[in-house]
């Protein structure tokens, strides 16, 4: 699976005009915040978009679930089509551009079950993903 840059994606117009989809998206974020895998699955079934980041920050559902060590939710999201190599680049004062991705978040928080699952499902190692970003975006990023 190729890396996919992500970020604070706006809610699409198709959602803004559909109360059921807006509700499903809200339920997805609530389920992720609560660590409720069954509700994650239910929100996706109702039409929640697994690629839309949180409106308040650039985290995607998969990056958040990996960061929090929610192995069941990570599996549900990946099975629903979430890209294990999604990422965004966060500018920081101390380190400059920093790579934020599901594998990096799981690694930083030492969530070994999530790490293993992401690797089994095609997640690029951090060094390889950082090299890909340099090659395709021309940006050197810090990671790990």
Protein backbone atom coordinates (compact mmCIF):
# COMPACT_ATOMS: atom_id res chain seq x y z
CA UNK A 1 0.00 0.00 0.00
CA UNK A 2 1.47 3.34 -1.04
CA UNK A 3 1.86 6.11 1.54
CA UNK A 4 -0.91 8.66 1.56
CA UNK A 5 -0.48 12.14 2.97
CA UNK A 6 -3.33 13.16 5.19
CA UNK A 7 -4.14 16.14 7.30
CA UNK A 8 -7.01 18.16 8.67
CA UNK A 9 -9.40 17.24 5.89
CA UNK A 10 -12.63 19.21 5.75
CA UNK A 11 -15.89 17.37 6.03
CA UNK A 12 -17.09 16.86 2.43
CA UNK A 13 -20.19 18.63 1.15
CA UNK A 14 -21.90 15.25 0.79
CA UNK A 15 -21.67 14.93 4.58
CA UNK A 16 -22.74 18.49 5.32
CA UNK A 17 -26.00 17.91 3.44
CA UNK A 18 -26.71 14.57 5.11
CA UNK A 19 -27.57 14.54 8.81
CA UNK A 20 -27.21 10.75 9.01
CA UNK A 21 -23.62 10.86 7.71
CA UNK A 22 -22.72 13.75 10.01
CA UNK A 23 -24.12 11.79 12.92
CA UNK A 24 -22.18 8.67 11.89
CA UNK A 25 -18.96 10.69 11.67
CA UNK A 26 -19.54 12.11 15.14
CA UNK A 27 -20.26 8.61 16.44
CA UNK A 28 -16.98 7.36 14.96
CA UNK A 29 -14.94 10.01 16.77
CA UNK A 30 -16.87 9.42 19.99
CA UNK A 31 -16.29 5.67 19.73
CA UNK A 32 -12.57 6.22 19.14
CA UNK A 33 -12.35 8.64 22.05
CA UNK A 34 -14.13 6.10 24.27
CA UNK A 35 -12.10 3.13 22.97
CA UNK A 36 -15.29 1.32 21.93
CA UNK A 37 -14.48 -1.00 19.00
CA UNK A 38 -18.07 -2.22 18.58
CA UNK A 39 -19.24 1.37 18.17
CA UNK A 40 -16.40 2.05 15.70
CA UNK A 41 -17.73 -0.81 13.57
CA UNK A 42 -21.32 0.48 13.92
CA UNK A 43 -20.36 4.02 12.91
CA UNK A 44 -18.57 2.74 9.81
CA UNK A 45 -21.63 0.65 8.93
CA UNK A 46 -23.74 3.83 9.19
CA UNK A 47 -21.47 5.58 6.67
CA UNK A 48 -18.73 7.26 8.70
CA UNK A 49 -15.73 8.08 6.50
CA UNK A 50 -12.59 6.38 7.85
CA UNK A 51 -10.35 8.82 5.96
CA UNK A 52 -11.64 12.09 7.38
CA UNK A 53 -9.43 13.54 10.08
CA UNK A 54 -10.68 15.05 13.27
CA UNK A 55 -11.86 18.61 12.51
CA UNK A 56 -9.78 19.88 15.44
CA UNK A 57 -6.45 18.32 14.42
CA UNK A 58 -4.98 16.28 11.56
CA UNK A 59 -5.34 12.86 13.18
CA UNK A 60 -7.15 10.29 11.11
CA UNK A 61 -9.18 7.60 12.85
CA UNK A 62 -6.37 5.07 12.24
CA UNK A 63 -3.62 7.31 13.59
CA UNK A 64 -5.69 8.02 16.71
CA UNK A 65 -6.52 4.35 17.27
CA UNK A 66 -2.86 3.35 16.83
CA UNK A 67 -1.73 6.09 19.20
CA UNK A 68 -4.16 4.90 21.86
CA UNK A 69 -3.32 1.21 21.38
CA UNK A 70 -6.85 0.26 20.34
CA UNK A 71 -5.94 -2.99 18.59
CA UNK A 72 -9.54 -3.99 17.81
CA UNK A 73 -10.37 -0.56 16.38
CA UNK A 74 -7.15 -0.54 14.34
CA UNK A 75 -8.12 -3.90 12.84
CA UNK A 76 -11.67 -2.72 12.07
CA UNK A 77 -10.38 0.45 10.39
CA UNK A 78 -7.80 -1.41 8.29
CA UNK A 79 -10.35 -4.03 7.27
CA UNK A 80 -12.63 -1.15 6.21
CA UNK A 81 -9.86 0.24 3.96
CA UNK A 82 -7.85 2.67 6.10
CA UNK A 83 -4.35 3.12 4.70
CA UNK A 84 -1.72 1.79 7.13
CA UNK A 85 0.77 4.18 5.51
CA UNK A 86 -1.25 7.36 5.92
CA UNK A 87 0.72 10.18 7.45
CA UNK A 88 1.00 13.88 8.03
CA UNK A 89 3.96 16.10 8.72
CA UNK A 90 3.73 18.19 11.86
CA UNK A 91 5.93 21.26 12.08
CA UNK A 92 7.48 21.62 15.54
CA UNK A 93 9.71 24.27 17.04
CA UNK A 94 12.10 21.77 18.62
CA UNK A 95 12.53 19.24 15.83
CA UNK A 96 11.22 20.82 12.64
CA UNK A 97 9.06 18.57 10.45
CA UNK A 98 8.01 15.42 12.32
CA UNK A 99 6.44 12.36 10.69
CA UNK A 100 3.13 11.28 12.26
CA UNK A 101 1.75 7.93 11.08
CA UNK A 102 -0.01 4.90 12.58
CA UNK A 103 3.19 2.83 12.94
CA UNK A 104 5.10 5.74 14.45
CA UNK A 105 2.38 6.46 16.97
CA UNK A 106 2.06 2.81 17.99
CA UNK A 107 5.84 2.57 18.27
CA UNK A 108 6.17 5.72 20.37
CA UNK A 109 3.52 4.48 22.78
CA UNK A 110 4.92 0.91 22.79
CA UNK A 111 1.68 -0.73 21.63
CA UNK A 112 3.26 -4.00 20.47
CA UNK A 113 0.03 -5.68 19.37
CA UNK A 114 -0.86 -2.72 17.17
CA UNK A 115 2.70 -2.56 15.81
CA UNK A 116 2.59 -6.22 14.82
CA UNK A 117 -0.82 -5.86 13.17
CA UNK A 118 0.22 -2.78 11.17
CA UNK A 119 3.41 -4.49 9.98
CA UNK A 120 1.48 -7.63 9.00
CA UNK A 121 -0.84 -5.41 6.97
CA UNK A 122 1.84 -3.61 4.98
CA UNK A 123 2.92 -0.65 7.10
CA UNK A 124 6.28 0.70 5.96
CA UNK A 125 8.99 0.95 8.57
CA UNK A 126 9.56 4.54 9.71
CA UNK A 127 12.94 4.91 8.01
CA UNK A 128 11.51 3.67 4.69
CA UNK A 129 8.47 5.94 4.96
CA UNK A 130 10.69 8.94 5.78
CA UNK A 131 12.86 8.14 2.74
CA UNK A 132 9.73 7.89 0.57
CA UNK A 133 8.62 11.33 1.80
CA UNK A 134 12.02 12.84 0.97
CA UNK A 135 11.88 11.31 -2.51
CA UNK A 136 8.27 12.27 -3.28
CA UNK A 137 7.74 15.45 -1.29
CA UNK A 138 11.28 16.74 -0.92
CA UNK A 139 10.90 17.13 2.85
CA UNK A 140 13.24 15.58 5.41
CA UNK A 141 11.25 14.53 8.46
CA UNK A 142 12.17 13.42 11.93
CA UNK A 143 10.68 10.18 13.19
CA UNK A 144 11.00 7.72 16.06
